Amino acid sequence: MKKFSFALMLVLSFALIGGAQAQKKAMDSKKPGASKMAAKASNSSISGIVKGAANGKMFTVAQKKGPVSVDGTGVQPRNKAGQFAKWTDIKGGTMVTVVGKMTGTTMKASKITINFVAGGKKPVAPAVKPVAGAKAEKKKGMMGKMKDKMGAMKDKMKSKMGGGDAKKP
């Protein structure tokens, strides 16, 4: 009986020691920086104003946390409508949104959207020349059309009521 209890105590003590060692290894892997996810760059999006002109496919975006360098290699910038834009549109003062992987203070862009071009002029509609001999007709807005209808209805009512110029007693 003594041998049996001694063997049982020995097995239990080894089980406790082995469990503690396994728990210690699990705790070591939870130290900060040990995660594989922390080592990978994260997807993120930044919006801001471009500082200076683009140097090739590289430019800097001003952020509250500090300037962010953007590497746009392999990416074609687009405007807000989704149409392709030129790299020359990215200059100082241009408002951009960049999506990509952030590593330190540099972002490897996967998408660049130009929200506002600095110094951009509003597109001017081409001047329409009237046809010779034709009277230029001004387009009326909704209120102008309503006034025309009301005037036509007023004239119609006057003719039905007998002129409508006489005052009532």
N, C-alpha and C. Protein backbone atom coordinates (compact mmCIF):
# COMPACT_ATOMS: atom_id res chain seq x y z
N MET A 1 0.81 -1.18 0.00
CA MET A 1 0.00 0.00 0.00
C MET A 1 0.87 1.26 0.00
N LYS A 2 1.98 1.23 0.76
CA LYS A 2 2.88 2.36 0.80
C LYS A 2 3.47 2.61 -0.59
N LYS A 3 3.79 1.53 -1.30
CA LYS A 3 4.37 1.68 -2.63
C LYS A 3 3.35 2.29 -3.58
N PHE A 4 2.12 1.90 -3.45
CA PHE A 4 1.07 2.42 -4.32
C PHE A 4 0.85 3.91 -4.08
N SER A 5 0.77 4.34 -2.85
CA SER A 5 0.55 5.76 -2.52
C SER A 5 1.77 6.60 -2.93
N PHE A 6 2.97 6.02 -2.77
CA PHE A 6 4.18 6.73 -3.18
C PHE A 6 4.17 6.93 -4.70
N ALA A 7 3.79 5.93 -5.46
CA ALA A 7 3.73 6.01 -6.92
C ALA A 7 2.67 7.02 -7.36
N LEU A 8 1.55 7.02 -6.65
CA LEU A 8 0.48 7.96 -6.97
C LEU A 8 0.94 9.40 -6.73
N MET A 9 1.64 9.64 -5.62
CA MET A 9 2.16 10.97 -5.30
C MET A 9 3.18 11.41 -6.35
N LEU A 10 4.01 10.49 -6.79
CA LEU A 10 5.04 10.79 -7.78
C LEU A 10 4.39 11.20 -9.12
N VAL A 11 3.37 10.47 -9.54
CA VAL A 11 2.68 10.76 -10.80
C VAL A 11 1.97 12.12 -10.72
N LEU A 12 1.33 12.39 -9.60
CA LEU A 12 0.63 13.66 -9.43
C LEU A 12 1.61 14.85 -9.43
N SER A 13 2.74 14.69 -8.81
CA SER A 13 3.71 15.78 -8.77
C SER A 13 4.27 16.07 -10.17
N PHE A 14 4.53 15.00 -10.96
CA PHE A 14 4.98 15.21 -12.33
C PHE A 14 3.89 15.90 -13.18
N ALA A 15 2.66 15.56 -12.93
CA ALA A 15 1.55 16.17 -13.67
C ALA A 15 1.46 17.66 -13.35
N LEU A 16 1.63 18.02 -12.09
CA LEU A 16 1.58 19.43 -11.70
C LEU A 16 2.74 20.21 -12.30
N ILE A 17 3.92 19.63 -12.26
CA ILE A 17 5.10 20.31 -12.80
C ILE A 17 4.98 20.48 -14.31
N GLY A 18 4.52 19.45 -14.99
CA GLY A 18 4.35 19.51 -16.45
C GLY A 18 3.29 20.55 -16.84
N GLY A 19 2.21 20.64 -16.10
CA GLY A 19 1.15 21.63 -16.37
C GLY A 19 1.66 23.04 -16.18
N ALA A 20 2.47 23.27 -15.16
CA ALA A 20 3.01 24.60 -14.90
C ALA A 20 3.96 25.01 -16.03
N GLN A 21 4.76 24.06 -16.52
CA GLN A 21 5.68 24.37 -17.61
C GLN A 21 4.91 24.73 -18.88
N ALA A 22 3.83 24.01 -19.18
CA ALA A 22 3.02 24.28 -20.37
C ALA A 22 2.36 25.65 -20.27
N GLN A 23 1.91 25.99 -19.05
CA GLN A 23 1.28 27.29 -18.85
C GLN A 23 2.30 28.42 -19.02
N LYS A 24 3.52 28.22 -18.58
CA LYS A 24 4.56 29.24 -18.70
C LYS A 24 4.86 29.52 -20.18
N LYS A 25 4.92 28.48 -21.02
CA LYS A 25 5.16 28.66 -22.44
C LYS A 25 4.03 29.44 -23.09
N ALA A 26 2.78 29.16 -22.69
CA ALA A 26 1.63 29.86 -23.24
C ALA A 26 1.67 31.34 -22.86
N MET A 27 2.10 31.66 -21.66
CA MET A 27 2.19 33.05 -21.19
C MET A 27 3.29 33.80 -21.94
N ASP A 28 4.40 33.13 -22.26
CA ASP A 28 5.50 33.76 -22.97
C ASP A 28 5.08 34.20 -24.37
N SER A 29 4.20 33.44 -25.04
CA SER A 29 3.79 33.78 -26.40
C SER A 29 2.83 34.96 -26.41
N LYS A 30 2.28 35.36 -25.26
CA LYS A 30 1.37 36.50 -25.20
C LYS A 30 2.08 37.81 -24.91
N LYS A 31 3.39 37.83 -24.94
CA LYS A 31 4.13 39.06 -24.71
C LYS A 31 3.91 40.01 -25.88
N PRO A 32 3.96 41.33 -25.62
CA PRO A 32 3.78 42.29 -26.72
C PRO A 32 4.82 42.11 -27.81
N GLY A 33 4.33 42.20 -29.06
CA GLY A 33 5.24 42.07 -30.20
C GLY A 33 5.45 40.63 -30.64
N ALA A 34 4.93 39.68 -29.88
CA ALA A 34 5.13 38.28 -30.24
C ALA A 34 4.11 37.83 -31.29
N SER A 35 3.07 38.60 -31.45
CA SER A 35 2.01 38.22 -32.39
C SER A 35 2.48 38.41 -33.83
N LYS A 36 2.07 37.51 -34.70
CA LYS A 36 2.40 37.61 -36.13
C LYS A 36 1.63 38.76 -36.77
N MET A 37 0.44 39.08 -36.25
CA MET A 37 -0.37 40.15 -36.80
C MET A 37 0.30 41.50 -36.60
N ALA A 38 1.01 41.66 -35.50
CA ALA A 38 1.67 42.94 -35.23
C ALA A 38 2.81 43.18 -36.21
N ALA A 39 3.42 42.13 -36.70
CA ALA A 39 4.55 42.26 -37.62
C ALA A 39 4.08 42.67 -39.02
N LYS A 40 2.84 42.35 -39.38
CA LYS A 40 2.33 42.68 -40.71
C LYS A 40 1.89 44.14 -40.75
N ALA A 41 1.99 44.74 -41.93
CA ALA A 41 1.51 46.10 -42.13
C ALA A 41 -0.01 46.08 -42.21
N SER A 42 -0.65 47.12 -41.70
CA SER A 42 -2.11 47.13 -41.67
C SER A 42 -2.65 47.99 -42.80
N ASN A 43 -3.84 47.62 -43.31
CA ASN A 43 -4.52 48.41 -44.33
C ASN A 43 -5.10 49.64 -43.65
N SER A 44 -4.94 50.78 -44.28
CA SER A 44 -5.51 51.98 -43.71
C SER A 44 -5.80 52.98 -44.81
N SER A 45 -6.47 54.05 -44.43
CA SER A 45 -6.84 55.10 -45.36
C SER A 45 -6.48 56.45 -44.74
N ILE A 46 -5.91 57.34 -45.55
CA ILE A 46 -5.62 58.69 -45.08
C ILE A 46 -6.17 59.70 -46.07
N SER A 47 -6.56 60.85 -45.56
CA SER A 47 -7.00 61.96 -46.39
C SER A 47 -6.25 63.19 -45.92
N GLY A 48 -5.84 64.01 -46.86
CA GLY A 48 -5.15 65.22 -46.49
C GLY A 48 -4.70 66.02 -47.69
N ILE A 49 -3.94 67.05 -47.39
CA ILE A 49 -3.45 67.95 -48.41
C ILE A 49 -2.02 67.58 -48.77
N VAL A 50 -1.73 67.53 -50.06
CA VAL A 50 -0.39 67.19 -50.55
C VAL A 50 0.55 68.36 -50.27
N LYS A 51 1.71 68.03 -49.73
CA LYS A 51 2.74 69.03 -49.47
C LYS A 51 3.75 68.98 -50.61
N GLY A 52 3.83 70.02 -51.41
CA GLY A 52 4.77 70.05 -52.53
C GLY A 52 4.30 69.22 -53.70
N ALA A 53 5.08 69.21 -54.75
CA ALA A 53 4.74 68.44 -55.95
C ALA A 53 5.16 66.99 -55.79
N ALA A 54 4.52 66.10 -56.55
CA ALA A 54 4.89 64.69 -56.53
C ALA A 54 6.27 64.53 -57.15
N ASN A 55 7.11 63.72 -56.52
CA ASN A 55 8.44 63.43 -57.02
C ASN A 55 8.38 62.05 -57.67
N GLY A 56 8.10 62.01 -58.96
CA GLY A 56 7.87 60.73 -59.62
C GLY A 56 6.52 60.20 -59.17
N LYS A 57 6.54 59.08 -58.47
CA LYS A 57 5.30 58.50 -57.95
C LYS A 57 5.23 58.61 -56.42
N MET A 58 6.08 59.46 -55.85
CA MET A 58 6.13 59.67 -54.40
C MET A 58 5.66 61.09 -54.08
N PHE A 59 4.85 61.22 -53.02
CA PHE A 59 4.45 62.54 -52.54
C PHE A 59 4.16 62.45 -51.05
N THR A 60 4.01 63.60 -50.41
CA THR A 60 3.81 63.66 -48.97
C THR A 60 2.45 64.27 -48.67
N VAL A 61 1.71 63.64 -47.74
CA VAL A 61 0.39 64.13 -47.33
C VAL A 61 0.49 64.63 -45.90
N ALA A 62 -0.03 65.84 -45.65
CA ALA A 62 -0.02 66.42 -44.31
C ALA A 62 -1.13 65.77 -43.48
N GLN A 63 -0.77 65.35 -42.27
CA GLN A 63 -1.70 64.74 -41.32
C GLN A 63 -1.51 65.40 -39.96
N LYS A 64 -2.49 65.26 -39.06
CA LYS A 64 -2.36 65.79 -37.70
C LYS A 64 -1.20 65.13 -36.97
N LYS A 65 -1.03 63.84 -37.19
CA LYS A 65 0.02 63.08 -36.51
C LYS A 65 1.40 63.33 -37.11
N GLY A 66 1.44 64.03 -38.22
CA GLY A 66 2.71 64.29 -38.90
C GLY A 66 2.61 63.90 -40.37
N PRO A 67 3.59 64.32 -41.18
CA PRO A 67 3.53 64.03 -42.60
C PRO A 67 3.67 62.53 -42.90
N VAL A 68 2.95 62.08 -43.93
CA VAL A 68 2.99 60.68 -44.36
C VAL A 68 3.49 60.64 -45.80
N SER A 69 4.55 59.89 -46.04
CA SER A 69 5.06 59.70 -47.40
C SER A 69 4.22 58.63 -48.09
N VAL A 70 3.83 58.90 -49.32
CA VAL A 70 3.00 57.96 -50.08
C VAL A 70 3.78 57.47 -51.28
N ASP A 71 3.86 56.14 -51.42
CA ASP A 71 4.50 55.52 -52.58
C ASP A 71 3.38 55.04 -53.51
N GLY A 72 3.22 55.72 -54.64
CA GLY A 72 2.14 55.41 -55.57
C GLY A 72 2.59 54.57 -56.74
N THR A 73 3.71 53.87 -56.61
CA THR A 73 4.22 53.04 -57.70
C THR A 73 3.20 51.96 -58.05
N GLY A 74 2.86 51.85 -59.32
CA GLY A 74 1.93 50.83 -59.79
C GLY A 74 0.47 51.21 -59.64
N VAL A 75 0.18 52.44 -59.23
CA VAL A 75 -1.20 52.89 -59.04
C VAL A 75 -1.46 54.07 -59.95
N GLN A 76 -2.62 54.09 -60.59
CA GLN A 76 -3.03 55.22 -61.42
C GLN A 76 -4.02 56.04 -60.61
N PRO A 77 -3.74 57.32 -60.35
CA PRO A 77 -4.69 58.14 -59.57
C PRO A 77 -5.99 58.33 -60.33
N ARG A 78 -7.06 58.52 -59.55
CA ARG A 78 -8.39 58.74 -60.12
C ARG A 78 -9.00 59.98 -59.49
N ASN A 79 -9.97 60.59 -60.20
CA ASN A 79 -10.68 61.72 -59.63
C ASN A 79 -11.91 61.22 -58.88
N LYS A 80 -12.71 62.14 -58.32
CA LYS A 80 -13.87 61.72 -57.53
C LYS A 80 -14.89 60.93 -58.34
N ALA A 81 -14.96 61.20 -59.63
CA ALA A 81 -15.92 60.50 -60.50
C ALA A 81 -15.43 59.10 -60.88
N GLY A 82 -14.18 58.76 -60.50
CA GLY A 82 -13.64 57.44 -60.81
C GLY A 82 -12.87 57.39 -62.11
N GLN A 83 -12.75 58.53 -62.78
CA GLN A 83 -12.00 58.57 -64.04
C GLN A 83 -10.51 58.70 -63.75
N PHE A 84 -9.69 58.19 -64.66
CA PHE A 84 -8.25 58.29 -64.49
C PHE A 84 -7.81 59.75 -64.49
N ALA A 85 -6.87 60.07 -63.62
CA ALA A 85 -6.31 61.42 -63.54
C ALA A 85 -4.83 61.35 -63.87
N LYS A 86 -4.21 62.51 -64.03
CA LYS A 86 -2.80 62.58 -64.35
C LYS A 86 -1.99 62.75 -63.07
N TRP A 87 -0.76 62.26 -63.08
CA TRP A 87 0.13 62.44 -61.94
C TRP A 87 0.47 63.91 -61.76
N THR A 88 0.41 64.69 -62.84
CA THR A 88 0.70 66.12 -62.73
C THR A 88 -0.38 66.86 -61.96
N ASP A 89 -1.57 66.25 -61.78
CA ASP A 89 -2.63 66.86 -60.98
C ASP A 89 -2.29 66.83 -59.49
N ILE A 90 -1.39 65.94 -59.10
CA ILE A 90 -1.00 65.84 -57.69
C ILE A 90 0.14 66.83 -57.46
N LYS A 91 -0.22 67.94 -56.84
CA LYS A 91 0.75 69.00 -56.56
C LYS A 91 0.40 69.62 -55.22
N GLY A 92 1.21 70.53 -54.76
CA GLY A 92 0.99 71.15 -53.46
C GLY A 92 -0.38 71.76 -53.35
N GLY A 93 -1.11 71.43 -52.27
CA GLY A 93 -2.45 71.96 -52.04
C GLY A 93 -3.56 71.07 -52.53
N THR A 94 -3.23 70.01 -53.28
CA THR A 94 -4.25 69.08 -53.78
C THR A 94 -4.76 68.21 -52.64
N MET A 95 -6.08 68.04 -52.55
CA MET A 95 -6.70 67.21 -51.52
C MET A 95 -6.83 65.79 -52.07
N VAL A 96 -6.25 64.80 -51.35
CA VAL A 96 -6.27 63.41 -51.80
C VAL A 96 -6.73 62.47 -50.69
N THR A 97 -7.21 61.30 -51.10
CA THR A 97 -7.49 60.20 -50.20
C THR A 97 -6.69 59.01 -50.71
N VAL A 98 -5.92 58.39 -49.82
CA VAL A 98 -5.05 57.28 -50.20
C VAL A 98 -5.40 56.07 -49.36
N VAL A 99 -5.55 54.92 -50.01
CA VAL A 99 -5.79 53.65 -49.33
C VAL A 99 -4.59 52.76 -49.61
N GLY A 100 -4.08 52.10 -48.57
CA GLY A 100 -2.92 51.24 -48.77
C GLY A 100 -2.43 50.66 -47.47
N LYS A 101 -1.21 50.12 -47.50
CA LYS A 101 -0.60 49.50 -46.33
C LYS A 101 0.40 50.46 -45.73
N MET A 102 0.24 50.73 -44.44
CA MET A 102 1.09 51.66 -43.73
C MET A 102 2.24 50.91 -43.07
N THR A 103 3.45 51.35 -43.34
CA THR A 103 4.63 50.80 -42.67
C THR A 103 5.45 51.98 -42.18
N GLY A 104 5.41 52.22 -40.89
CA GLY A 104 6.10 53.38 -40.32
C GLY A 104 5.40 54.66 -40.73
N THR A 105 6.14 55.56 -41.38
CA THR A 105 5.54 56.81 -41.86
C THR A 105 5.35 56.81 -43.37
N THR A 106 5.50 55.63 -44.00
CA THR A 106 5.32 55.51 -45.45
C THR A 106 4.13 54.61 -45.74
N MET A 107 3.32 55.02 -46.71
CA MET A 107 2.17 54.22 -47.11
C MET A 107 2.37 53.75 -48.54
N LYS A 108 2.27 52.45 -48.76
CA LYS A 108 2.31 51.86 -50.10
C LYS A 108 0.87 51.87 -50.61
N ALA A 109 0.59 52.78 -51.53
CA ALA A 109 -0.78 53.01 -51.99
C ALA A 109 -1.30 51.88 -52.86
N SER A 110 -2.58 51.54 -52.66
CA SER A 110 -3.27 50.62 -53.56
C SER A 110 -4.38 51.37 -54.31
N LYS A 111 -4.74 52.57 -53.80
CA LYS A 111 -5.77 53.40 -54.45
C LYS A 111 -5.52 54.86 -54.07
N ILE A 112 -5.50 55.75 -55.07
CA ILE A 112 -5.32 57.18 -54.85
C ILE A 112 -6.49 57.91 -55.51
N THR A 113 -7.22 58.70 -54.72
CA THR A 113 -8.33 59.47 -55.24
C THR A 113 -8.04 60.96 -55.04
N ILE A 114 -8.12 61.73 -56.11
CA ILE A 114 -7.92 63.17 -56.04
C ILE A 114 -9.28 63.81 -55.80
N ASN A 115 -9.45 64.44 -54.62
CA ASN A 115 -10.72 65.05 -54.26
C ASN A 115 -10.84 66.48 -54.77
N PHE A 116 -9.73 67.20 -54.78
CA PHE A 116 -9.73 68.60 -55.21
C PHE A 116 -8.35 68.95 -55.72
N VAL A 117 -8.27 69.51 -56.91
CA VAL A 117 -6.99 69.90 -57.49
C VAL A 117 -6.72 71.35 -57.12
N ALA A 118 -5.57 71.60 -56.55
CA ALA A 118 -5.20 72.95 -56.16
C ALA A 118 -5.04 73.84 -57.37
N GLY A 119 -5.57 75.04 -57.28
CA GLY A 119 -5.45 75.99 -58.38
C GLY A 119 -6.29 75.60 -59.57
N GLY A 120 -7.16 74.61 -59.39
CA GLY A 120 -8.00 74.17 -60.49
C GLY A 120 -9.06 75.20 -60.83
N LYS A 121 -9.34 75.33 -62.10
CA LYS A 121 -10.36 76.27 -62.54
C LYS A 121 -11.62 75.50 -62.84
N LYS A 122 -12.75 76.17 -62.61
CA LYS A 122 -14.02 75.53 -62.94
C LYS A 122 -14.12 75.42 -64.46
N PRO A 123 -14.61 74.30 -64.96
CA PRO A 123 -14.73 74.16 -66.41
C PRO A 123 -15.72 75.18 -66.96
N VAL A 124 -15.35 75.83 -68.03
CA VAL A 124 -16.19 76.85 -68.65
C VAL A 124 -16.95 76.19 -69.79
N ALA A 125 -18.26 76.43 -69.81
CA ALA A 125 -19.08 75.88 -70.88
C ALA A 125 -18.76 76.62 -72.18
N PRO A 126 -18.68 75.89 -73.28
CA PRO A 126 -18.39 76.57 -74.54
C PRO A 126 -19.51 77.54 -74.90
N ALA A 127 -19.13 78.68 -75.46
CA ALA A 127 -20.12 79.70 -75.84
C ALA A 127 -20.92 79.20 -77.04
N VAL A 128 -22.23 79.39 -76.98
CA VAL A 128 -23.10 78.98 -78.06
C VAL A 128 -23.42 80.22 -78.89
N LYS A 129 -23.10 80.18 -80.15
CA LYS A 129 -23.38 81.31 -81.02
C LYS A 129 -24.78 81.15 -81.60
N PRO A 130 -25.57 82.22 -81.54
CA PRO A 130 -26.92 82.12 -82.11
C PRO A 130 -26.86 82.02 -83.63
N VAL A 131 -27.83 81.31 -84.16
CA VAL A 131 -27.92 81.14 -85.61
C VAL A 131 -28.35 82.48 -86.21
N ALA A 132 -27.77 82.83 -87.34
CA ALA A 132 -28.08 84.11 -87.97
C ALA A 132 -29.56 84.20 -88.29
N GLY A 133 -30.19 85.31 -87.90
CA GLY A 133 -31.60 85.52 -88.19
C GLY A 133 -32.54 84.90 -87.17
N ALA A 134 -32.04 84.06 -86.31
CA ALA A 134 -32.90 83.44 -85.31
C ALA A 134 -32.85 84.25 -84.03
N LYS A 135 -33.96 84.34 -83.35
CA LYS A 135 -34.03 85.09 -82.11
C LYS A 135 -33.55 84.18 -80.98
N ALA A 136 -32.63 84.66 -80.19
CA ALA A 136 -32.11 83.87 -79.07
C ALA A 136 -33.21 83.75 -78.02
N GLU A 137 -33.49 82.54 -77.63
CA GLU A 137 -34.54 82.30 -76.64
C GLU A 137 -33.90 81.93 -75.31
N LYS A 138 -34.29 82.64 -74.29
CA LYS A 138 -33.74 82.40 -72.96
C LYS A 138 -34.51 81.25 -72.32
N LYS A 139 -33.76 80.30 -71.75
CA LYS A 139 -34.41 79.19 -71.07
C LYS A 139 -35.02 79.68 -69.77
N LYS A 140 -36.18 79.20 -69.48
CA LYS A 140 -36.86 79.60 -68.26
C LYS A 140 -36.74 78.48 -67.24
N GLY A 141 -36.60 78.89 -66.02
CA GLY A 141 -36.56 77.93 -64.93
C GLY A 141 -37.97 77.52 -64.55
N MET A 142 -38.08 76.79 -63.50
CA MET A 142 -39.37 76.28 -63.04
C MET A 142 -40.31 77.42 -62.65
N MET A 143 -39.78 78.43 -61.96
CA MET A 143 -40.62 79.55 -61.55
C MET A 143 -41.11 80.34 -62.76
N GLY A 144 -40.25 80.52 -63.75
CA GLY A 144 -40.64 81.24 -64.95
C GLY A 144 -41.76 80.53 -65.69
N LYS A 145 -41.67 79.21 -65.74
CA LYS A 145 -42.71 78.42 -66.41
C LYS A 145 -44.03 78.52 -65.64
N MET A 146 -43.95 78.50 -64.30
CA MET A 146 -45.17 78.59 -63.49
C MET A 146 -45.84 79.95 -63.68
N LYS A 147 -45.02 81.02 -63.75
CA LYS A 147 -45.58 82.36 -63.96
C LYS A 147 -46.28 82.44 -65.30
N ASP A 148 -45.71 81.81 -66.32
CA ASP A 148 -46.33 81.81 -67.64
C ASP A 148 -47.68 81.09 -67.59
N LYS A 149 -47.76 79.97 -66.89
CA LYS A 149 -49.01 79.23 -66.78
C LYS A 149 -50.06 80.02 -66.01
N MET A 150 -49.61 80.69 -64.93
CA MET A 150 -50.55 81.48 -64.13
C MET A 150 -51.08 82.65 -64.95
N GLY A 151 -50.20 83.26 -65.74
CA GLY A 151 -50.64 84.38 -66.59
C GLY A 151 -51.65 83.90 -67.63
N ALA A 152 -51.41 82.73 -68.19
CA ALA A 152 -52.33 82.18 -69.19
C ALA A 152 -53.68 81.86 -68.54
N MET A 153 -53.64 81.33 -67.32
CA MET A 153 -54.90 81.01 -66.62
C MET A 153 -55.65 82.29 -66.26
N LYS A 154 -54.94 83.34 -65.90
CA LYS A 154 -55.55 84.62 -65.54
C LYS A 154 -56.25 85.21 -66.76
N ASP A 155 -55.58 85.17 -67.91
CA ASP A 155 -56.18 85.68 -69.14
C ASP A 155 -57.42 84.87 -69.51
N LYS A 156 -57.38 83.59 -69.32
CA LYS A 156 -58.51 82.71 -69.64
C LYS A 156 -59.70 83.03 -68.75
N MET A 157 -59.43 83.26 -67.47
CA MET A 157 -60.50 83.58 -66.52
C MET A 157 -61.12 84.94 -66.84
N LYS A 158 -60.30 85.89 -67.24
CA LYS A 158 -60.81 87.22 -67.60
C LYS A 158 -61.77 87.13 -68.76
N SER A 159 -61.41 86.31 -69.76
CA SER A 159 -62.27 86.20 -70.93
C SER A 159 -63.58 85.51 -70.58
N LYS A 160 -63.58 84.57 -69.64
CA LYS A 160 -64.81 83.89 -69.24
C LYS A 160 -65.68 84.78 -68.38
N MET A 161 -65.08 85.63 -67.59
CA MET A 161 -65.83 86.45 -66.67
C MET A 161 -66.27 87.77 -67.30
N GLY A 162 -65.93 87.98 -68.51
CA GLY A 162 -66.38 89.18 -69.19
C GLY A 162 -65.38 90.31 -69.08
N GLY A 163 -64.14 90.00 -69.14
CA GLY A 163 -63.14 91.07 -69.17
C GLY A 163 -62.44 91.23 -67.84
N GLY A 164 -63.16 91.19 -66.76
CA GLY A 164 -62.57 91.29 -65.43
C GLY A 164 -62.03 92.66 -65.08
N ASP A 165 -62.28 93.67 -65.95
CA ASP A 165 -61.76 95.00 -65.66
C ASP A 165 -62.72 95.80 -64.78
N ALA A 166 -63.97 95.43 -64.79
CA ALA A 166 -64.96 96.17 -63.98
C ALA A 166 -64.81 95.81 -62.53
N LYS A 167 -64.94 96.85 -61.66
CA LYS A 167 -64.82 96.61 -60.22
C LYS A 167 -66.15 96.18 -59.67
N LYS A 168 -66.12 95.38 -58.66
CA LYS A 168 -67.34 94.91 -58.02
C LYS A 168 -67.81 95.97 -57.03
N PRO A 169 -69.19 96.13 -56.88
CA PRO A 169 -69.72 97.15 -55.95
C PRO A 169 -69.51 96.78 -54.51
